Amino acid sequence: MGADLAEDPITELEVEPGDDNAERLRARVAGLRSVDPNRALAVIHGGTARAAGAAPSDGGTSADWRAQLAAVVACLSGASDGFTGDTTPTSLARLRRWADDTLRRGAVPAAAAADIVLLVDELASNVEEHAPGWMTVDLEFAEHSVLIVVSDPHPSRMPVPGDPPPDRPSGRGLLVVSALSTGWGVVLGRTSKAVWAEVAWPPEHGAAHHLTDTGAGLRPR
């Protein structure tokens, strides 16, 4: 997937607040794919964490998103070190430990690190439920933010925010992602997809360290 994303144009589909109805969004993506099934798509959602005091960062929507696109493509092409494994409960437990250790070594503030581990868990669990098989998880560090990229080999299964009834115990994972991130989205390629989210924190809470060795060494079975 990395090669075609690196070389081919990517159509951006920015989802405005209040325009994230699941069926309507799926229909918009299906319409674009019907015109060109091989065209890569980037579906971009604005997060709400920035309104709670998170600092502006390299991520977000519109022009800000374009600054992150190269990082997402690098993760998908295998150019970044990260966690690779199948989506079994054992892998998910090891993933949580890897994420926690990576963020601790990167000197990410504790509150932001807790949010990031939760988002990693939500996105990876979403893969386990809806797109089982292998997954890769990458954490890309900026000075005051971390970009989370979770990829899998199912580009036809696009995650969209749900609106479950109050008595349903599941289906709110992407609502959590939106609430804790400054922005999130999905990149759909020919043979795989990535779901990304960014968590940022105010500069006074300290800067992250850029890590060069974050690989967990876990290979898919």
N, C-alpha and C. Protein backbone atom coordinates (compact mmCIF):
# COMPACT_ATOMS: atom_id res chain seq x y z
N MET A 1 0.82 -1.20 0.00
CA MET A 1 0.00 0.00 0.00
C MET A 1 0.86 1.25 0.00
N GLY A 2 1.98 1.21 0.66
CA GLY A 2 2.80 2.39 0.79
C GLY A 2 3.23 2.96 -0.55
N ALA A 3 3.56 2.07 -1.49
CA ALA A 3 4.07 2.55 -2.77
C ALA A 3 3.02 3.36 -3.52
N ASP A 4 1.78 2.85 -3.60
CA ASP A 4 0.79 3.58 -4.36
C ASP A 4 0.39 4.87 -3.65
N LEU A 5 0.39 4.87 -2.32
CA LEU A 5 0.08 6.11 -1.61
C LEU A 5 1.19 7.13 -1.79
N ALA A 6 2.42 6.67 -1.87
CA ALA A 6 3.54 7.59 -2.01
C ALA A 6 3.56 8.22 -3.40
N GLU A 7 3.10 7.48 -4.42
CA GLU A 7 3.24 7.94 -5.79
C GLU A 7 1.95 8.50 -6.38
N ASP A 8 0.80 8.05 -5.91
CA ASP A 8 -0.47 8.42 -6.51
C ASP A 8 -1.14 9.55 -5.74
N PRO A 9 -2.00 10.31 -6.40
CA PRO A 9 -2.73 11.36 -5.68
C PRO A 9 -3.71 10.77 -4.68
N ILE A 10 -3.99 11.53 -3.64
CA ILE A 10 -4.92 11.10 -2.61
C ILE A 10 -6.06 12.11 -2.55
N THR A 11 -7.27 11.63 -2.67
CA THR A 11 -8.44 12.49 -2.58
C THR A 11 -8.80 12.70 -1.11
N GLU A 12 -8.90 13.97 -0.70
CA GLU A 12 -9.24 14.29 0.68
C GLU A 12 -10.74 14.51 0.82
N LEU A 13 -11.32 13.89 1.81
CA LEU A 13 -12.74 14.05 2.11
C LEU A 13 -12.84 14.51 3.55
N GLU A 14 -13.04 15.81 3.74
CA GLU A 14 -13.10 16.36 5.09
C GLU A 14 -14.53 16.31 5.61
N VAL A 15 -14.69 15.73 6.79
CA VAL A 15 -16.01 15.57 7.39
C VAL A 15 -16.27 16.75 8.32
N GLU A 16 -17.27 17.55 7.99
CA GLU A 16 -17.60 18.70 8.80
C GLU A 16 -18.36 18.27 10.05
N PRO A 17 -18.30 19.08 11.12
CA PRO A 17 -19.06 18.76 12.33
C PRO A 17 -20.55 18.60 12.01
N GLY A 18 -21.14 17.55 12.51
CA GLY A 18 -22.55 17.29 12.26
C GLY A 18 -22.82 16.58 10.95
N ASP A 19 -21.77 16.30 10.18
CA ASP A 19 -21.95 15.64 8.89
C ASP A 19 -21.30 14.27 8.89
N ASP A 20 -21.30 13.61 10.05
CA ASP A 20 -20.63 12.32 10.19
C ASP A 20 -21.61 11.16 10.30
N ASN A 21 -22.83 11.34 9.77
CA ASN A 21 -23.78 10.24 9.74
C ASN A 21 -23.15 9.04 9.04
N ALA A 22 -23.20 7.88 9.68
CA ALA A 22 -22.47 6.72 9.20
C ALA A 22 -22.88 6.32 7.79
N GLU A 23 -24.17 6.19 7.54
CA GLU A 23 -24.61 5.74 6.22
C GLU A 23 -24.30 6.77 5.15
N ARG A 24 -24.48 8.04 5.46
CA ARG A 24 -24.20 9.08 4.48
C ARG A 24 -22.70 9.14 4.15
N LEU A 25 -21.87 8.97 5.18
CA LEU A 25 -20.43 8.99 4.95
C LEU A 25 -19.99 7.79 4.12
N ARG A 26 -20.52 6.62 4.43
CA ARG A 26 -20.19 5.44 3.63
C ARG A 26 -20.63 5.62 2.18
N ALA A 27 -21.77 6.26 1.98
CA ALA A 27 -22.26 6.49 0.62
C ALA A 27 -21.34 7.45 -0.14
N ARG A 28 -20.83 8.46 0.54
CA ARG A 28 -19.91 9.40 -0.11
C ARG A 28 -18.64 8.69 -0.54
N VAL A 29 -18.10 7.84 0.34
CA VAL A 29 -16.88 7.10 0.01
C VAL A 29 -17.16 6.12 -1.12
N ALA A 30 -18.30 5.42 -1.07
CA ALA A 30 -18.64 4.47 -2.13
C ALA A 30 -18.78 5.17 -3.47
N GLY A 31 -19.34 6.39 -3.45
CA GLY A 31 -19.47 7.14 -4.69
C GLY A 31 -18.12 7.49 -5.30
N LEU A 32 -17.18 7.91 -4.45
CA LEU A 32 -15.84 8.22 -4.95
C LEU A 32 -15.14 6.97 -5.46
N ARG A 33 -15.31 5.87 -4.75
CA ARG A 33 -14.68 4.62 -5.16
C ARG A 33 -15.30 4.07 -6.45
N SER A 34 -16.57 4.35 -6.69
CA SER A 34 -17.20 3.86 -7.92
C SER A 34 -16.63 4.55 -9.15
N VAL A 35 -16.18 5.78 -8.99
CA VAL A 35 -15.57 6.51 -10.10
C VAL A 35 -14.17 5.99 -10.38
N ASP A 36 -13.41 5.71 -9.32
CA ASP A 36 -12.04 5.20 -9.47
C ASP A 36 -11.75 4.27 -8.30
N PRO A 37 -11.94 2.95 -8.46
CA PRO A 37 -11.76 2.01 -7.36
C PRO A 37 -10.36 1.99 -6.78
N ASN A 38 -9.37 2.40 -7.55
CA ASN A 38 -7.99 2.33 -7.09
C ASN A 38 -7.49 3.63 -6.47
N ARG A 39 -8.30 4.65 -6.46
CA ARG A 39 -7.84 5.94 -5.95
C ARG A 39 -7.78 5.91 -4.42
N ALA A 40 -6.69 6.39 -3.86
CA ALA A 40 -6.55 6.47 -2.41
C ALA A 40 -7.39 7.62 -1.87
N LEU A 41 -8.00 7.40 -0.73
CA LEU A 41 -8.86 8.39 -0.09
C LEU A 41 -8.37 8.68 1.31
N ALA A 42 -8.45 9.93 1.71
CA ALA A 42 -8.17 10.33 3.09
C ALA A 42 -9.43 10.97 3.65
N VAL A 43 -10.06 10.30 4.61
CA VAL A 43 -11.27 10.82 5.26
C VAL A 43 -10.82 11.46 6.57
N ILE A 44 -11.09 12.76 6.73
CA ILE A 44 -10.52 13.54 7.82
C ILE A 44 -11.63 14.06 8.73
N HIS A 45 -11.51 13.75 10.02
CA HIS A 45 -12.46 14.21 11.03
C HIS A 45 -11.75 15.17 11.98
N GLY A 46 -12.41 16.22 12.38
CA GLY A 46 -11.86 17.09 13.41
C GLY A 46 -12.15 16.52 14.78
N GLY A 47 -11.14 16.51 15.65
CA GLY A 47 -11.35 16.08 17.02
C GLY A 47 -11.83 17.23 17.89
N THR A 48 -12.16 16.93 19.12
CA THR A 48 -12.67 17.96 20.03
C THR A 48 -11.72 18.28 21.17
N ALA A 49 -10.59 17.58 21.28
CA ALA A 49 -9.70 17.79 22.42
C ALA A 49 -9.10 19.18 22.42
N ARG A 50 -8.91 19.79 21.25
CA ARG A 50 -8.29 21.11 21.21
C ARG A 50 -9.13 22.12 21.98
N ALA A 51 -10.48 21.95 21.95
CA ALA A 51 -11.36 22.87 22.67
C ALA A 51 -11.19 22.77 24.17
N ALA A 52 -10.61 21.66 24.63
CA ALA A 52 -10.42 21.47 26.06
C ALA A 52 -9.07 21.99 26.54
N GLY A 53 -8.33 22.67 25.67
CA GLY A 53 -7.09 23.29 26.09
C GLY A 53 -5.84 22.69 25.49
N ALA A 54 -5.97 21.70 24.60
CA ALA A 54 -4.79 21.14 23.96
C ALA A 54 -4.20 22.17 23.01
N ALA A 55 -2.89 22.13 22.87
CA ALA A 55 -2.21 23.13 22.05
C ALA A 55 -2.38 22.82 20.58
N PRO A 56 -2.44 23.85 19.73
CA PRO A 56 -2.39 23.60 18.29
C PRO A 56 -1.11 22.86 17.95
N SER A 57 -1.16 21.99 16.97
CA SER A 57 0.01 21.17 16.65
C SER A 57 0.12 21.01 15.16
N ASP A 58 0.94 20.04 14.74
CA ASP A 58 1.12 19.79 13.32
C ASP A 58 -0.08 19.10 12.70
N GLY A 59 -1.03 18.61 13.53
CA GLY A 59 -2.13 17.85 12.98
C GLY A 59 -3.41 18.64 12.92
N GLY A 60 -4.51 17.93 12.66
CA GLY A 60 -5.79 18.58 12.54
C GLY A 60 -6.39 18.33 11.19
N THR A 61 -7.13 19.28 10.67
CA THR A 61 -7.80 19.11 9.40
C THR A 61 -7.25 20.10 8.39
N SER A 62 -7.77 20.02 7.16
CA SER A 62 -7.42 20.93 6.07
C SER A 62 -5.92 20.96 5.85
N ALA A 63 -5.33 22.18 5.81
CA ALA A 63 -3.92 22.29 5.49
C ALA A 63 -3.05 21.58 6.52
N ASP A 64 -3.47 21.59 7.81
CA ASP A 64 -2.69 20.92 8.84
C ASP A 64 -2.57 19.42 8.57
N TRP A 65 -3.65 18.82 8.05
CA TRP A 65 -3.63 17.39 7.79
C TRP A 65 -2.57 17.04 6.76
N ARG A 66 -2.34 17.89 5.78
CA ARG A 66 -1.36 17.58 4.73
C ARG A 66 0.04 17.43 5.31
N ALA A 67 0.31 18.11 6.40
CA ALA A 67 1.62 17.98 7.04
C ALA A 67 1.78 16.60 7.67
N GLN A 68 0.68 15.95 8.03
CA GLN A 68 0.74 14.63 8.64
C GLN A 68 0.68 13.50 7.62
N LEU A 69 0.21 13.78 6.43
CA LEU A 69 -0.02 12.72 5.46
C LEU A 69 1.24 11.92 5.19
N ALA A 70 2.38 12.60 5.07
CA ALA A 70 3.64 11.90 4.80
C ALA A 70 3.97 10.93 5.92
N ALA A 71 3.67 11.31 7.16
CA ALA A 71 3.95 10.42 8.29
C ALA A 71 3.06 9.19 8.24
N VAL A 72 1.79 9.36 7.89
CA VAL A 72 0.89 8.21 7.80
C VAL A 72 1.34 7.28 6.68
N VAL A 73 1.71 7.85 5.53
CA VAL A 73 2.18 7.04 4.41
C VAL A 73 3.44 6.28 4.79
N ALA A 74 4.34 6.92 5.51
CA ALA A 74 5.57 6.24 5.94
C ALA A 74 5.25 5.06 6.84
N CYS A 75 4.28 5.23 7.73
CA CYS A 75 3.88 4.12 8.60
C CYS A 75 3.32 2.97 7.79
N LEU A 76 2.48 3.28 6.80
CA LEU A 76 1.86 2.24 5.99
C LEU A 76 2.87 1.51 5.12
N SER A 77 3.92 2.21 4.72
CA SER A 77 4.91 1.58 3.85
C SER A 77 5.96 0.80 4.63
N GLY A 78 5.84 0.80 5.96
CA GLY A 78 6.80 0.07 6.78
C GLY A 78 8.07 0.84 7.05
N ALA A 79 8.06 2.15 6.77
CA ALA A 79 9.27 2.95 6.95
C ALA A 79 9.47 3.38 8.40
N SER A 80 8.48 3.15 9.26
CA SER A 80 8.59 3.52 10.66
C SER A 80 8.62 2.27 11.54
N ASP A 81 9.40 2.35 12.62
CA ASP A 81 9.39 1.26 13.59
C ASP A 81 8.09 1.31 14.37
N GLY A 82 7.55 0.16 14.69
CA GLY A 82 6.31 0.14 15.45
C GLY A 82 5.99 -1.26 15.91
N PHE A 83 4.77 -1.45 16.35
CA PHE A 83 4.29 -2.74 16.83
C PHE A 83 3.61 -3.44 15.67
N THR A 84 3.97 -4.69 15.42
CA THR A 84 3.33 -5.49 14.39
C THR A 84 2.90 -6.80 14.99
N GLY A 85 1.65 -7.17 14.77
CA GLY A 85 1.19 -8.44 15.33
C GLY A 85 -0.19 -8.78 14.84
N ASP A 86 -0.65 -9.96 15.17
CA ASP A 86 -2.02 -10.32 14.84
C ASP A 86 -2.94 -9.78 15.93
N THR A 87 -4.23 -9.74 15.64
CA THR A 87 -5.16 -9.15 16.60
C THR A 87 -5.75 -10.23 17.50
N THR A 88 -4.92 -10.79 18.34
CA THR A 88 -5.35 -11.72 19.37
C THR A 88 -5.32 -11.00 20.71
N PRO A 89 -6.04 -11.50 21.71
CA PRO A 89 -5.97 -10.84 23.02
C PRO A 89 -4.55 -10.71 23.56
N THR A 90 -3.71 -11.74 23.31
CA THR A 90 -2.33 -11.66 23.77
C THR A 90 -1.61 -10.50 23.10
N SER A 91 -1.82 -10.34 21.78
CA SER A 91 -1.18 -9.24 21.07
C SER A 91 -1.65 -7.90 21.60
N LEU A 92 -2.94 -7.78 21.89
CA LEU A 92 -3.46 -6.51 22.39
C LEU A 92 -2.87 -6.18 23.75
N ALA A 93 -2.69 -7.19 24.61
CA ALA A 93 -2.08 -6.94 25.91
C ALA A 93 -0.63 -6.49 25.74
N ARG A 94 0.10 -7.14 24.84
CA ARG A 94 1.49 -6.74 24.59
C ARG A 94 1.54 -5.36 23.95
N LEU A 95 0.56 -5.05 23.12
CA LEU A 95 0.49 -3.73 22.50
C LEU A 95 0.34 -2.64 23.55
N ARG A 96 -0.53 -2.85 24.52
CA ARG A 96 -0.71 -1.84 25.57
C ARG A 96 0.58 -1.62 26.35
N ARG A 97 1.29 -2.72 26.66
CA ARG A 97 2.55 -2.58 27.39
C ARG A 97 3.59 -1.86 26.55
N TRP A 98 3.65 -2.20 25.25
CA TRP A 98 4.60 -1.53 24.34
C TRP A 98 4.30 -0.04 24.25
N ALA A 99 3.03 0.33 24.09
CA ALA A 99 2.66 1.74 23.98
C ALA A 99 3.02 2.49 25.25
N ASP A 100 2.70 1.91 26.40
CA ASP A 100 2.99 2.57 27.67
C ASP A 100 4.49 2.77 27.84
N ASP A 101 5.28 1.75 27.52
CA ASP A 101 6.73 1.86 27.65
C ASP A 101 7.30 2.87 26.66
N THR A 102 6.81 2.86 25.42
CA THR A 102 7.30 3.80 24.41
C THR A 102 7.01 5.24 24.82
N LEU A 103 5.82 5.51 25.31
CA LEU A 103 5.46 6.87 25.72
C LEU A 103 6.25 7.31 26.94
N ARG A 104 6.50 6.38 27.86
CA ARG A 104 7.29 6.72 29.04
C ARG A 104 8.72 7.08 28.64
N ARG A 105 9.30 6.30 27.73
CA ARG A 105 10.65 6.59 27.27
C ARG A 105 10.70 7.88 26.46
N GLY A 106 9.58 8.23 25.83
CA GLY A 106 9.53 9.47 25.07
C GLY A 106 9.20 10.69 25.90
N ALA A 107 9.06 10.52 27.22
CA ALA A 107 8.79 11.64 28.14
C ALA A 107 7.49 12.35 27.80
N VAL A 108 6.48 11.60 27.36
CA VAL A 108 5.16 12.18 27.10
C VAL A 108 4.49 12.43 28.45
N PRO A 109 3.89 13.61 28.65
CA PRO A 109 3.20 13.89 29.93
C PRO A 109 2.19 12.80 30.27
N ALA A 110 2.06 12.52 31.56
CA ALA A 110 1.27 11.38 32.00
C ALA A 110 -0.17 11.43 31.52
N ALA A 111 -0.80 12.60 31.59
CA ALA A 111 -2.21 12.68 31.17
C ALA A 111 -2.36 12.39 29.69
N ALA A 112 -1.46 12.94 28.86
CA ALA A 112 -1.51 12.68 27.42
C ALA A 112 -1.20 11.22 27.13
N ALA A 113 -0.23 10.65 27.85
CA ALA A 113 0.12 9.24 27.64
C ALA A 113 -1.06 8.33 27.94
N ALA A 114 -1.81 8.65 29.00
CA ALA A 114 -2.98 7.83 29.33
C ALA A 114 -4.01 7.89 28.22
N ASP A 115 -4.22 9.08 27.66
CA ASP A 115 -5.16 9.22 26.53
C ASP A 115 -4.68 8.43 25.32
N ILE A 116 -3.38 8.49 25.05
CA ILE A 116 -2.83 7.80 23.87
C ILE A 116 -2.98 6.29 24.02
N VAL A 117 -2.66 5.75 25.19
CA VAL A 117 -2.81 4.30 25.40
C VAL A 117 -4.27 3.90 25.22
N LEU A 118 -5.19 4.73 25.70
CA LEU A 118 -6.61 4.41 25.54
C LEU A 118 -7.00 4.43 24.07
N LEU A 119 -6.50 5.40 23.31
CA LEU A 119 -6.83 5.46 21.88
C LEU A 119 -6.21 4.30 21.12
N VAL A 120 -4.97 3.94 21.45
CA VAL A 120 -4.36 2.77 20.83
C VAL A 120 -5.23 1.54 21.09
N ASP A 121 -5.69 1.39 22.31
CA ASP A 121 -6.53 0.24 22.67
C ASP A 121 -7.84 0.26 21.90
N GLU A 122 -8.48 1.44 21.79
CA GLU A 122 -9.75 1.54 21.07
C GLU A 122 -9.57 1.22 19.59
N LEU A 123 -8.53 1.78 18.96
CA LEU A 123 -8.33 1.56 17.53
C LEU A 123 -7.93 0.13 17.24
N ALA A 124 -7.07 -0.45 18.08
CA ALA A 124 -6.67 -1.84 17.87
C ALA A 124 -7.83 -2.79 18.12
N SER A 125 -8.65 -2.51 19.12
CA SER A 125 -9.81 -3.35 19.38
C SER A 125 -10.80 -3.28 18.24
N ASN A 126 -10.88 -2.12 17.59
CA ASN A 126 -11.75 -1.97 16.43
C ASN A 126 -11.29 -2.87 15.29
N VAL A 127 -9.97 -2.98 15.12
CA VAL A 127 -9.44 -3.89 14.11
C VAL A 127 -9.79 -5.32 14.47
N GLU A 128 -9.61 -5.67 15.74
CA GLU A 128 -9.90 -7.04 16.18
C GLU A 128 -11.35 -7.42 15.90
N GLU A 129 -12.27 -6.47 16.09
CA GLU A 129 -13.69 -6.77 15.93
C GLU A 129 -14.14 -6.75 14.48
N HIS A 130 -13.64 -5.78 13.70
CA HIS A 130 -14.20 -5.56 12.37
C HIS A 130 -13.25 -5.93 11.22
N ALA A 131 -11.97 -6.06 11.48
CA ALA A 131 -11.02 -6.35 10.39
C ALA A 131 -9.93 -7.28 10.89
N PRO A 132 -10.30 -8.49 11.34
CA PRO A 132 -9.31 -9.37 11.97
C PRO A 132 -8.24 -9.82 10.99
N GLY A 133 -7.08 -10.11 11.56
CA GLY A 133 -5.91 -10.50 10.77
C GLY A 133 -4.70 -9.86 11.39
N TRP A 134 -3.86 -9.24 10.59
CA TRP A 134 -2.70 -8.55 11.14
C TRP A 134 -3.02 -7.08 11.35
N MET A 135 -2.17 -6.42 12.12
CA MET A 135 -2.25 -4.97 12.27
C MET A 135 -0.85 -4.44 12.55
N THR A 136 -0.64 -3.18 12.24
CA THR A 136 0.56 -2.49 12.68
C THR A 136 0.12 -1.24 13.43
N VAL A 137 0.89 -0.89 14.44
CA VAL A 137 0.62 0.31 15.22
C VAL A 137 1.90 1.12 15.30
N ASP A 138 1.82 2.38 14.91
CA ASP A 138 2.97 3.28 14.97
C ASP A 138 2.63 4.48 15.81
N LEU A 139 3.61 4.96 16.58
CA LEU A 139 3.51 6.19 17.34
C LEU A 139 4.57 7.15 16.81
N GLU A 140 4.13 8.23 16.19
CA GLU A 140 5.04 9.21 15.62
C GLU A 140 5.08 10.43 16.54
N PHE A 141 6.28 10.78 17.01
CA PHE A 141 6.43 11.83 18.01
C PHE A 141 6.72 13.18 17.37
N ALA A 142 5.99 14.21 17.79
CA ALA A 142 6.34 15.60 17.52
C ALA A 142 6.66 16.25 18.86
N GLU A 143 6.95 17.54 18.86
CA GLU A 143 7.40 18.17 20.10
C GLU A 143 6.32 18.14 21.18
N HIS A 144 5.09 18.45 20.80
CA HIS A 144 4.01 18.50 21.79
C HIS A 144 2.80 17.68 21.34
N SER A 145 3.05 16.61 20.61
CA SER A 145 1.95 15.76 20.17
C SER A 145 2.49 14.40 19.76
N VAL A 146 1.58 13.44 19.69
CA VAL A 146 1.90 12.09 19.20
C VAL A 146 0.83 11.70 18.19
N LEU A 147 1.27 11.20 17.05
CA LEU A 147 0.37 10.71 16.02
C LEU A 147 0.30 9.19 16.13
N ILE A 148 -0.90 8.66 16.28
CA ILE A 148 -1.15 7.22 16.37
C ILE A 148 -1.64 6.75 15.02
N VAL A 149 -1.03 5.70 14.45
CA VAL A 149 -1.44 5.16 13.16
C VAL A 149 -1.62 3.65 13.31
N VAL A 150 -2.84 3.16 13.09
CA VAL A 150 -3.15 1.73 13.18
C VAL A 150 -3.62 1.28 11.81
N SER A 151 -2.93 0.31 11.22
CA SER A 151 -3.26 -0.12 9.86
C SER A 151 -3.60 -1.60 9.82
N ASP A 152 -4.38 -1.98 8.79
CA ASP A 152 -4.80 -3.37 8.60
C ASP A 152 -5.07 -3.59 7.12
N PRO A 153 -5.25 -4.83 6.67
CA PRO A 153 -5.39 -5.11 5.24
C PRO A 153 -6.82 -5.12 4.73
N HIS A 154 -7.69 -4.27 5.27
CA HIS A 154 -9.10 -4.28 4.88
C HIS A 154 -9.58 -2.89 4.48
N PRO A 155 -9.22 -2.40 3.27
CA PRO A 155 -9.63 -1.06 2.87
C PRO A 155 -11.12 -0.90 2.64
N SER A 156 -11.85 -1.99 2.48
CA SER A 156 -13.29 -1.88 2.24
C SER A 156 -14.09 -1.72 3.54
N ARG A 157 -13.44 -1.91 4.67
CA ARG A 157 -14.14 -1.80 5.95
C ARG A 157 -13.75 -0.50 6.64
N MET A 158 -14.43 0.57 6.26
CA MET A 158 -14.09 1.89 6.76
C MET A 158 -14.81 2.17 8.08
N PRO A 159 -14.06 2.46 9.13
CA PRO A 159 -14.72 2.79 10.40
C PRO A 159 -15.37 4.16 10.34
N VAL A 160 -16.57 4.26 10.86
CA VAL A 160 -17.29 5.54 10.93
C VAL A 160 -17.89 5.67 12.32
N PRO A 161 -18.04 6.90 12.81
CA PRO A 161 -18.63 7.08 14.14
C PRO A 161 -20.04 6.53 14.20
N GLY A 162 -20.36 5.87 15.29
CA GLY A 162 -21.70 5.33 15.48
C GLY A 162 -22.52 6.20 16.43
N ASP A 163 -23.78 5.91 16.50
CA ASP A 163 -24.69 6.61 17.41
C ASP A 163 -25.59 5.56 18.07
N PRO A 164 -24.95 4.70 18.92
CA PRO A 164 -25.72 3.59 19.50
C PRO A 164 -26.74 4.08 20.52
N PRO A 165 -27.81 3.34 20.71
CA PRO A 165 -28.79 3.70 21.74
C PRO A 165 -28.17 3.59 23.14
N PRO A 166 -28.74 4.29 24.12
CA PRO A 166 -28.15 4.31 25.47
C PRO A 166 -28.00 2.94 26.10
N ASP A 167 -28.88 1.98 25.73
CA ASP A 167 -28.82 0.67 26.37
C ASP A 167 -27.86 -0.29 25.69
N ARG A 168 -27.16 0.17 24.64
CA ARG A 168 -26.19 -0.69 23.96
C ARG A 168 -24.81 -0.43 24.54
N PRO A 169 -24.11 -1.49 25.03
CA PRO A 169 -22.84 -1.27 25.73
C PRO A 169 -21.65 -1.01 24.83
N SER A 170 -21.77 -1.18 23.52
CA SER A 170 -20.63 -1.01 22.62
C SER A 170 -20.97 -0.02 21.51
N GLY A 171 -19.98 0.22 20.64
CA GLY A 171 -20.22 1.08 19.48
C GLY A 171 -19.84 2.52 19.68
N ARG A 172 -19.12 2.83 20.79
CA ARG A 172 -18.76 4.22 21.07
C ARG A 172 -17.27 4.49 20.96
N GLY A 173 -16.51 3.53 20.43
CA GLY A 173 -15.06 3.66 20.38
C GLY A 173 -14.59 4.89 19.63
N LEU A 174 -15.17 5.17 18.46
CA LEU A 174 -14.73 6.31 17.68
C LEU A 174 -15.20 7.63 18.29
N LEU A 175 -16.26 7.60 19.09
CA LEU A 175 -16.65 8.79 19.83
C LEU A 175 -15.58 9.14 20.87
N VAL A 176 -14.99 8.11 21.47
CA VAL A 176 -13.89 8.31 22.41
C VAL A 176 -12.68 8.87 21.67
N VAL A 177 -12.38 8.32 20.49
CA VAL A 177 -11.26 8.80 19.68
C VAL A 177 -11.44 10.27 19.36
N SER A 178 -12.63 10.66 18.94
CA SER A 178 -12.90 12.05 18.60
C SER A 178 -12.76 12.96 19.82
N ALA A 179 -13.24 12.49 20.96
CA ALA A 179 -13.23 13.32 22.16
C ALA A 179 -11.82 13.58 22.68
N LEU A 180 -10.91 12.62 22.50
CA LEU A 180 -9.58 12.73 23.08
C LEU A 180 -8.53 13.24 22.10
N SER A 181 -8.87 13.36 20.82
CA SER A 181 -7.88 13.74 19.82
C SER A 181 -8.13 15.15 19.29
N THR A 182 -7.06 15.74 18.73
CA THR A 182 -7.21 17.02 18.04
C THR A 182 -7.68 16.82 16.61
N GLY A 183 -7.59 15.62 16.12
CA GLY A 183 -8.05 15.26 14.79
C GLY A 183 -7.82 13.78 14.58
N TRP A 184 -8.63 13.17 13.72
CA TRP A 184 -8.45 11.75 13.42
C TRP A 184 -8.99 11.50 12.02
N GLY A 185 -8.69 10.34 11.47
CA GLY A 185 -9.19 10.05 10.14
C GLY A 185 -8.81 8.67 9.67
N VAL A 186 -9.14 8.40 8.42
CA VAL A 186 -8.90 7.10 7.80
C VAL A 186 -8.27 7.33 6.44
N VAL A 187 -7.22 6.59 6.13
CA VAL A 187 -6.62 6.59 4.80
C VAL A 187 -6.89 5.23 4.17
N LEU A 188 -7.58 5.24 3.04
CA LEU A 188 -7.94 4.01 2.33
C LEU A 188 -7.09 3.88 1.09
N GLY A 189 -6.31 2.80 1.00
CA GLY A 189 -5.52 2.53 -0.18
C GLY A 189 -6.10 1.38 -0.98
N ARG A 190 -5.31 0.83 -1.87
CA ARG A 190 -5.80 -0.27 -2.72
C ARG A 190 -5.94 -1.57 -1.94
N THR A 191 -5.01 -1.83 -1.04
CA THR A 191 -4.98 -3.13 -0.39
C THR A 191 -5.00 -3.06 1.14
N SER A 192 -4.99 -1.90 1.71
CA SER A 192 -5.02 -1.77 3.17
C SER A 192 -5.47 -0.37 3.55
N LYS A 193 -5.65 -0.18 4.84
CA LYS A 193 -6.10 1.13 5.32
C LYS A 193 -5.38 1.46 6.61
N ALA A 194 -5.43 2.73 6.98
CA ALA A 194 -4.89 3.17 8.26
C ALA A 194 -5.88 4.10 8.92
N VAL A 195 -6.05 3.94 10.21
CA VAL A 195 -6.82 4.88 11.02
C VAL A 195 -5.82 5.62 11.90
N TRP A 196 -5.87 6.94 11.88
CA TRP A 196 -4.91 7.74 12.64
C TRP A 196 -5.64 8.68 13.59
N ALA A 197 -4.96 9.07 14.63
CA ALA A 197 -5.48 10.06 15.57
C ALA A 197 -4.29 10.78 16.19
N GLU A 198 -4.49 12.05 16.52
CA GLU A 198 -3.42 12.83 17.13
C GLU A 198 -3.85 13.31 18.51
N VAL A 199 -2.93 13.18 19.46
CA VAL A 199 -3.12 13.71 20.81
C VAL A 199 -2.06 14.77 21.05
N ALA A 200 -2.48 15.96 21.47
CA ALA A 200 -1.56 17.07 21.72
C ALA A 200 -1.73 17.57 23.14
N TRP A 201 -0.72 18.29 23.63
CA TRP A 201 -0.78 18.85 24.97
C TRP A 201 -0.14 20.23 24.96
N PRO A 202 -0.47 21.08 25.94
CA PRO A 202 0.08 22.44 25.99
C PRO A 202 1.60 22.41 26.17
N PRO A 203 2.32 23.38 25.59
CA PRO A 203 3.79 23.40 25.69
C PRO A 203 4.31 23.44 27.12
N GLU A 204 3.55 24.06 28.03
CA GLU A 204 4.04 24.15 29.40
C GLU A 204 4.10 22.80 30.09
N HIS A 205 3.51 21.78 29.49
CA HIS A 205 3.56 20.44 30.08
C HIS A 205 4.79 19.66 29.64
N GLY A 206 5.65 20.28 28.83
CA GLY A 206 6.89 19.65 28.43
C GLY A 206 6.85 19.08 27.03
N ALA A 207 8.04 18.86 26.46
CA ALA A 207 8.16 18.35 25.09
C ALA A 207 8.51 16.87 25.12
N ALA A 208 8.02 16.15 24.12
CA ALA A 208 8.35 14.73 24.00
C ALA A 208 9.75 14.56 23.45
N HIS A 209 10.35 13.42 23.75
CA HIS A 209 11.63 13.05 23.17
C HIS A 209 11.38 12.27 21.88
N HIS A 210 12.17 12.53 20.85
CA HIS A 210 12.04 11.78 19.61
C HIS A 210 12.79 10.47 19.74
N LEU A 211 12.08 9.37 19.60
CA LEU A 211 12.68 8.04 19.75
C LEU A 211 13.07 7.48 18.39
N THR A 212 14.16 6.75 18.37
CA THR A 212 14.60 6.12 17.12
C THR A 212 14.44 4.61 17.16
N ASP A 213 14.16 4.07 18.33
CA ASP A 213 14.02 2.61 18.45
C ASP A 213 12.75 2.33 19.23
N THR A 214 11.61 2.20 18.52
CA THR A 214 10.35 1.93 19.19
C THR A 214 9.76 0.57 18.79
N GLY A 215 10.51 -0.22 18.04
CA GLY A 215 9.96 -1.48 17.56
C GLY A 215 9.79 -2.49 18.68
N ALA A 216 8.68 -3.22 18.63
CA ALA A 216 8.42 -4.23 19.65
C ALA A 216 8.93 -5.60 19.23
N GLY A 217 9.17 -5.79 17.94
CA GLY A 217 9.68 -7.06 17.48
C GLY A 217 8.69 -8.18 17.41
N LEU A 218 7.42 -7.91 17.58
CA LEU A 218 6.41 -8.96 17.51
C LEU A 218 5.94 -9.11 16.07
N ARG A 219 6.10 -10.25 15.50
CA ARG A 219 5.74 -10.49 14.10
C ARG A 219 4.40 -11.20 14.03
N PRO A 220 3.64 -10.99 12.93
CA PRO A 220 2.35 -11.66 12.78
C PRO A 220 2.53 -13.16 12.65
N ARG A 221 1.56 -13.90 13.16
CA ARG A 221 1.64 -15.36 13.07
C ARG A 221 1.13 -15.83 11.72
